[in-house]
N, C-alpha and C. Protein backbone atom coordinates (compact mmCIF):
# COMPACT_ATOMS: atom_id res chain seq x y z
N MET A 1 -51.47 -57.34 -70.81
CA MET A 1 -51.83 -57.09 -69.36
C MET A 1 -52.62 -58.18 -68.73
N LEU A 2 -53.62 -58.69 -69.51
CA LEU A 2 -54.48 -59.73 -69.00
C LEU A 2 -53.61 -61.07 -68.83
N ARG A 3 -52.75 -61.31 -69.83
CA ARG A 3 -51.92 -62.49 -69.75
C ARG A 3 -50.96 -62.41 -68.51
N GLU A 4 -50.39 -61.22 -68.17
CA GLU A 4 -49.53 -61.04 -67.05
C GLU A 4 -50.34 -61.23 -65.72
N LYS A 5 -51.58 -60.79 -65.74
CA LYS A 5 -52.35 -60.90 -64.51
C LYS A 5 -52.72 -62.36 -64.25
N ILE A 6 -53.11 -63.10 -65.30
CA ILE A 6 -53.40 -64.50 -65.23
C ILE A 6 -52.18 -65.27 -64.77
N CYS A 7 -51.01 -64.93 -65.38
CA CYS A 7 -49.78 -65.70 -64.92
C CYS A 7 -49.47 -65.44 -63.50
N LEU A 8 -49.60 -64.17 -62.98
CA LEU A 8 -49.39 -63.91 -61.64
C LEU A 8 -50.39 -64.68 -60.68
N GLU A 9 -51.52 -64.70 -61.06
CA GLU A 9 -52.59 -65.52 -60.34
C GLU A 9 -52.17 -67.06 -60.25
N CYS A 10 -51.77 -67.54 -61.46
CA CYS A 10 -51.25 -68.97 -61.48
C CYS A 10 -50.16 -69.18 -60.59
N VAL A 11 -49.20 -68.33 -60.61
CA VAL A 11 -48.06 -68.55 -59.71
C VAL A 11 -48.46 -68.49 -58.24
N ALA A 12 -49.39 -67.50 -57.86
CA ALA A 12 -49.86 -67.42 -56.57
C ALA A 12 -50.58 -68.66 -56.11
N ILE A 13 -51.46 -69.17 -57.03
CA ILE A 13 -52.19 -70.42 -56.68
C ILE A 13 -51.27 -71.62 -56.48
N ILE A 14 -50.31 -71.73 -57.37
CA ILE A 14 -49.37 -72.84 -57.27
C ILE A 14 -48.53 -72.70 -56.08
N ASP A 15 -48.02 -71.50 -55.66
CA ASP A 15 -47.27 -71.32 -54.49
C ASP A 15 -48.13 -71.69 -53.23
N TYR A 16 -49.43 -71.20 -53.20
CA TYR A 16 -50.25 -71.56 -52.13
C TYR A 16 -50.47 -73.03 -51.98
N ALA A 17 -50.67 -73.70 -53.15
CA ALA A 17 -50.95 -75.15 -53.16
C ALA A 17 -49.69 -75.94 -52.57
N LEU A 18 -48.56 -75.50 -53.08
CA LEU A 18 -47.33 -76.22 -52.67
C LEU A 18 -47.03 -75.97 -51.11
N ALA A 19 -47.24 -74.74 -50.70
CA ALA A 19 -47.09 -74.36 -49.25
C ALA A 19 -48.04 -75.23 -48.52
N ALA A 20 -49.28 -75.27 -48.87
CA ALA A 20 -50.35 -76.04 -48.09
C ALA A 20 -49.96 -77.43 -47.95
N MET A 21 -49.52 -78.11 -49.12
CA MET A 21 -49.11 -79.45 -49.07
C MET A 21 -47.97 -79.64 -48.14
N PHE A 22 -47.02 -78.78 -48.22
CA PHE A 22 -45.83 -78.99 -47.42
C PHE A 22 -46.16 -78.78 -45.84
N TRP A 23 -46.84 -77.73 -45.52
CA TRP A 23 -47.17 -77.50 -44.09
C TRP A 23 -48.13 -78.55 -43.49
N SER A 24 -49.01 -79.06 -44.33
CA SER A 24 -50.05 -80.05 -43.88
C SER A 24 -49.33 -81.34 -43.46
N THR A 25 -48.21 -81.62 -44.14
CA THR A 25 -47.42 -82.80 -43.70
C THR A 25 -46.63 -82.63 -42.47
N LEU A 26 -46.36 -81.38 -42.05
CA LEU A 26 -45.60 -81.15 -40.90
C LEU A 26 -46.42 -80.92 -39.60
N PHE A 27 -47.55 -80.32 -39.82
CA PHE A 27 -48.37 -79.92 -38.74
C PHE A 27 -49.85 -80.38 -38.86
N MET A 28 -50.44 -80.86 -37.74
CA MET A 28 -51.83 -81.03 -37.75
C MET A 28 -52.64 -79.76 -37.46
N ALA A 29 -53.71 -79.52 -38.17
CA ALA A 29 -54.51 -78.43 -37.89
C ALA A 29 -55.38 -78.55 -36.54
N SER A 30 -55.60 -77.51 -36.00
CA SER A 30 -56.41 -77.54 -34.78
C SER A 30 -57.50 -76.43 -34.89
N ILE A 31 -58.61 -76.62 -34.24
CA ILE A 31 -59.65 -75.53 -34.20
C ILE A 31 -60.15 -75.49 -32.77
N THR A 32 -60.70 -74.30 -32.42
CA THR A 32 -61.35 -74.15 -31.17
C THR A 32 -62.78 -73.69 -31.40
N VAL A 33 -63.73 -74.41 -30.79
CA VAL A 33 -65.11 -74.04 -30.98
C VAL A 33 -65.67 -73.29 -29.73
N ARG A 34 -65.96 -72.04 -29.91
CA ARG A 34 -66.38 -71.20 -28.74
C ARG A 34 -67.94 -71.18 -28.72
N ASN A 35 -68.49 -70.82 -27.62
CA ASN A 35 -69.93 -70.63 -27.40
C ASN A 35 -70.81 -71.80 -27.80
N LEU A 36 -70.24 -73.05 -27.46
CA LEU A 36 -70.99 -74.30 -27.76
C LEU A 36 -72.12 -74.44 -26.65
N GLU A 37 -73.33 -74.65 -27.09
CA GLU A 37 -74.46 -74.75 -26.18
C GLU A 37 -74.17 -75.96 -25.21
N THR A 38 -74.53 -75.82 -23.97
CA THR A 38 -74.36 -76.83 -23.01
C THR A 38 -75.06 -78.13 -23.31
N ASP A 39 -76.18 -78.04 -23.90
CA ASP A 39 -76.93 -79.25 -24.32
C ASP A 39 -76.23 -80.03 -25.48
N LEU A 40 -75.67 -79.20 -26.43
CA LEU A 40 -74.96 -79.80 -27.57
C LEU A 40 -73.63 -80.44 -27.01
N LYS A 41 -72.96 -79.86 -26.09
CA LYS A 41 -71.78 -80.45 -25.49
C LYS A 41 -72.09 -81.72 -24.83
N GLU A 42 -73.18 -81.71 -24.06
CA GLU A 42 -73.53 -82.90 -23.31
C GLU A 42 -73.93 -84.06 -24.23
N ARG A 43 -74.60 -83.78 -25.26
CA ARG A 43 -74.92 -84.80 -26.34
C ARG A 43 -73.58 -85.37 -26.94
N LEU A 44 -72.75 -84.47 -27.24
CA LEU A 44 -71.46 -84.86 -27.82
C LEU A 44 -70.68 -85.78 -26.85
N ARG A 45 -70.69 -85.51 -25.58
CA ARG A 45 -70.02 -86.26 -24.53
C ARG A 45 -70.68 -87.62 -24.42
N ARG A 46 -72.04 -87.71 -24.51
CA ARG A 46 -72.66 -89.04 -24.38
C ARG A 46 -72.37 -89.88 -25.61
N ARG A 47 -72.42 -89.22 -26.80
CA ARG A 47 -72.12 -89.91 -28.06
C ARG A 47 -70.74 -90.43 -28.05
N ALA A 48 -69.83 -89.68 -27.64
CA ALA A 48 -68.36 -90.13 -27.53
C ALA A 48 -68.32 -91.24 -26.61
N ALA A 49 -68.92 -91.23 -25.44
CA ALA A 49 -68.90 -92.31 -24.52
C ALA A 49 -69.52 -93.61 -25.00
N ASP A 50 -70.62 -93.46 -25.79
CA ASP A 50 -71.24 -94.62 -26.47
C ASP A 50 -70.39 -95.26 -27.45
N HIS A 51 -69.51 -94.48 -28.15
CA HIS A 51 -68.55 -95.03 -29.12
C HIS A 51 -67.17 -95.40 -28.50
N GLY A 52 -66.99 -95.16 -27.20
CA GLY A 52 -65.74 -95.47 -26.53
C GLY A 52 -64.63 -94.57 -26.97
N ARG A 53 -64.94 -93.31 -27.28
CA ARG A 53 -63.96 -92.31 -27.76
C ARG A 53 -63.98 -91.06 -26.81
N SER A 54 -62.88 -90.29 -26.84
CA SER A 54 -62.92 -89.05 -26.22
C SER A 54 -63.87 -88.01 -27.06
N MET A 55 -64.18 -86.91 -26.39
CA MET A 55 -64.95 -85.97 -27.14
C MET A 55 -64.11 -85.45 -28.42
N GLU A 56 -62.94 -85.20 -28.23
CA GLU A 56 -62.13 -84.72 -29.28
C GLU A 56 -62.06 -85.75 -30.40
N ASP A 57 -61.89 -87.03 -30.12
CA ASP A 57 -61.90 -88.10 -31.23
C ASP A 57 -63.28 -88.17 -31.86
N GLU A 58 -64.27 -88.00 -31.07
CA GLU A 58 -65.72 -88.07 -31.61
C GLU A 58 -65.87 -86.94 -32.63
N VAL A 59 -65.46 -85.74 -32.20
CA VAL A 59 -65.56 -84.59 -33.12
C VAL A 59 -64.77 -84.85 -34.51
N ARG A 60 -63.60 -85.44 -34.39
CA ARG A 60 -62.80 -85.72 -35.52
C ARG A 60 -63.55 -86.64 -36.38
N GLU A 61 -64.11 -87.72 -35.90
CA GLU A 61 -64.85 -88.74 -36.61
C GLU A 61 -66.13 -88.12 -37.25
N ILE A 62 -66.82 -87.27 -36.54
CA ILE A 62 -68.03 -86.62 -37.14
C ILE A 62 -67.56 -85.79 -38.34
N LEU A 63 -66.52 -85.01 -38.16
CA LEU A 63 -66.01 -84.15 -39.23
C LEU A 63 -65.56 -85.13 -40.53
N ARG A 64 -64.83 -86.17 -40.23
CA ARG A 64 -64.44 -87.10 -41.30
C ARG A 64 -65.58 -87.65 -42.06
N THR A 65 -66.57 -88.17 -41.40
CA THR A 65 -67.67 -88.81 -42.08
C THR A 65 -68.60 -87.86 -42.68
N THR A 66 -68.73 -86.67 -42.14
CA THR A 66 -69.56 -85.62 -42.69
C THR A 66 -68.97 -84.98 -44.06
N LEU A 67 -67.65 -84.82 -43.96
CA LEU A 67 -66.98 -84.12 -45.11
C LEU A 67 -66.40 -85.20 -46.12
N ALA A 68 -66.54 -86.47 -45.88
CA ALA A 68 -65.90 -87.49 -46.75
C ALA A 68 -66.61 -87.36 -48.19
N ASP A 69 -67.93 -87.07 -48.25
CA ASP A 69 -68.54 -87.07 -49.47
C ASP A 69 -68.68 -85.67 -50.05
N ASP A 70 -67.92 -84.71 -49.50
CA ASP A 70 -67.91 -83.29 -49.89
C ASP A 70 -67.15 -83.14 -51.18
N GLN A 71 -67.85 -82.91 -52.29
CA GLN A 71 -67.13 -82.80 -53.68
C GLN A 71 -66.58 -81.43 -53.93
N SER A 72 -66.99 -80.46 -52.98
CA SER A 72 -66.40 -79.11 -53.23
C SER A 72 -64.98 -78.82 -52.93
N ALA A 73 -64.48 -79.82 -52.11
CA ALA A 73 -62.99 -79.75 -51.79
C ALA A 73 -62.13 -80.41 -52.84
N LEU A 74 -61.69 -79.58 -53.76
CA LEU A 74 -60.92 -80.08 -54.90
C LEU A 74 -59.45 -80.30 -54.50
N HIS A 75 -58.76 -81.02 -55.18
CA HIS A 75 -57.34 -81.06 -55.02
C HIS A 75 -56.78 -79.79 -55.62
N PRO A 76 -55.74 -79.09 -55.11
CA PRO A 76 -55.32 -77.90 -55.64
C PRO A 76 -54.94 -77.96 -57.27
N ALA A 77 -54.40 -79.07 -57.61
CA ALA A 77 -53.97 -79.14 -59.04
C ALA A 77 -55.34 -79.28 -59.83
N GLU A 78 -56.36 -79.93 -59.42
CA GLU A 78 -57.64 -79.93 -60.14
C GLU A 78 -58.20 -78.54 -60.20
N ALA A 79 -58.14 -77.77 -59.14
CA ALA A 79 -58.69 -76.47 -59.12
C ALA A 79 -57.95 -75.53 -60.09
N ILE A 80 -56.65 -75.64 -60.14
CA ILE A 80 -55.90 -74.86 -61.15
C ILE A 80 -56.22 -75.29 -62.58
N ARG A 81 -56.36 -76.55 -62.81
CA ARG A 81 -56.61 -77.06 -64.18
C ARG A 81 -57.97 -76.46 -64.61
N ARG A 82 -58.96 -76.57 -63.76
CA ARG A 82 -60.31 -76.09 -64.09
C ARG A 82 -60.24 -74.48 -64.23
N LEU A 83 -59.49 -73.79 -63.48
CA LEU A 83 -59.35 -72.36 -63.64
C LEU A 83 -58.81 -71.95 -65.04
N PHE A 84 -57.84 -72.72 -65.51
CA PHE A 84 -57.19 -72.36 -66.74
C PHE A 84 -57.66 -73.09 -68.02
N ALA A 85 -58.50 -74.08 -67.81
CA ALA A 85 -58.99 -74.85 -68.95
C ALA A 85 -59.64 -74.04 -70.04
N PRO A 86 -60.53 -73.06 -69.66
CA PRO A 86 -61.11 -72.23 -70.69
C PRO A 86 -60.16 -71.47 -71.59
N LEU A 87 -58.99 -71.25 -71.12
CA LEU A 87 -57.94 -70.46 -71.90
C LEU A 87 -57.28 -71.34 -72.95
N GLY A 88 -57.45 -72.68 -72.88
CA GLY A 88 -56.80 -73.51 -73.76
C GLY A 88 -55.32 -73.79 -73.50
N GLY A 89 -54.71 -74.69 -74.23
CA GLY A 89 -53.35 -75.06 -73.93
C GLY A 89 -52.39 -74.24 -74.66
N VAL A 90 -51.13 -74.37 -74.46
CA VAL A 90 -50.05 -73.71 -75.21
C VAL A 90 -49.01 -74.72 -75.63
N ASP A 91 -48.75 -74.66 -76.93
CA ASP A 91 -47.63 -75.61 -77.39
C ASP A 91 -46.42 -74.71 -77.46
N LEU A 92 -45.48 -75.08 -76.64
CA LEU A 92 -44.12 -74.36 -76.53
C LEU A 92 -43.09 -75.06 -77.46
N GLU A 93 -42.38 -74.20 -78.06
CA GLU A 93 -41.38 -74.80 -78.98
C GLU A 93 -40.04 -75.02 -78.13
N ILE A 94 -39.57 -76.21 -78.19
CA ILE A 94 -38.45 -76.51 -77.43
C ILE A 94 -37.20 -76.17 -78.25
N PRO A 95 -36.44 -75.23 -77.73
CA PRO A 95 -35.16 -74.78 -78.46
C PRO A 95 -34.16 -75.83 -78.65
N LYS A 96 -33.48 -75.89 -79.87
CA LYS A 96 -32.41 -76.80 -80.09
C LYS A 96 -31.24 -76.54 -79.08
N ARG A 97 -30.60 -77.58 -78.70
CA ARG A 97 -29.43 -77.38 -77.83
C ARG A 97 -28.24 -76.78 -78.61
N GLN A 98 -27.60 -75.86 -77.93
CA GLN A 98 -26.43 -75.28 -78.51
C GLN A 98 -25.20 -75.91 -77.88
N PRO A 99 -23.99 -75.87 -78.60
CA PRO A 99 -22.81 -76.43 -78.00
C PRO A 99 -22.41 -75.68 -76.75
N MET A 100 -21.88 -76.30 -75.85
CA MET A 100 -21.45 -75.61 -74.54
C MET A 100 -20.45 -74.52 -74.81
N ARG A 101 -20.59 -73.45 -74.04
CA ARG A 101 -19.59 -72.37 -74.19
C ARG A 101 -18.42 -72.72 -73.36
N GLU A 102 -17.33 -72.02 -73.75
CA GLU A 102 -16.05 -72.18 -72.99
C GLU A 102 -16.29 -71.50 -71.66
N PRO A 103 -15.77 -72.05 -70.51
CA PRO A 103 -16.02 -71.34 -69.25
C PRO A 103 -15.13 -70.09 -69.25
N PRO A 104 -15.44 -69.08 -68.49
CA PRO A 104 -14.73 -67.86 -68.47
C PRO A 104 -13.33 -68.10 -67.84
N ASP A 105 -12.46 -67.33 -68.28
CA ASP A 105 -11.04 -67.42 -67.82
C ASP A 105 -10.74 -66.20 -66.81
N PHE A 106 -10.62 -66.51 -65.51
CA PHE A 106 -10.48 -65.56 -64.51
C PHE A 106 -9.01 -65.36 -64.10
N SER A 107 -8.12 -66.01 -64.88
CA SER A 107 -6.70 -66.04 -64.43
C SER A 107 -5.91 -64.69 -64.68
N ARG A 108 -6.48 -63.83 -65.40
CA ARG A 108 -5.80 -62.58 -65.73
C ARG A 108 -5.91 -61.53 -64.66
């Protein structure tokens, strides 16, 4: 039961990671910030003007530089490896190849 649960969780994590990688290459994410204080918005506008950027570009740059050193954002493959590392590895036996079967005859 535990092995089946872990296997299903693994499949779900891998499916999510693959979907995230696929969709992130097609679409850029966007966010909306509501209830931003007037003073904060004005400081952002001035900062953007000082750097010769739009407010939107300035926010992107702030997020990039702030999150660049964030070690909590793991690559999905690394997160999966860390999740299953305590369980140890599995050595699977590779079955020997069998001769090819004759194709079915549907002429009858």
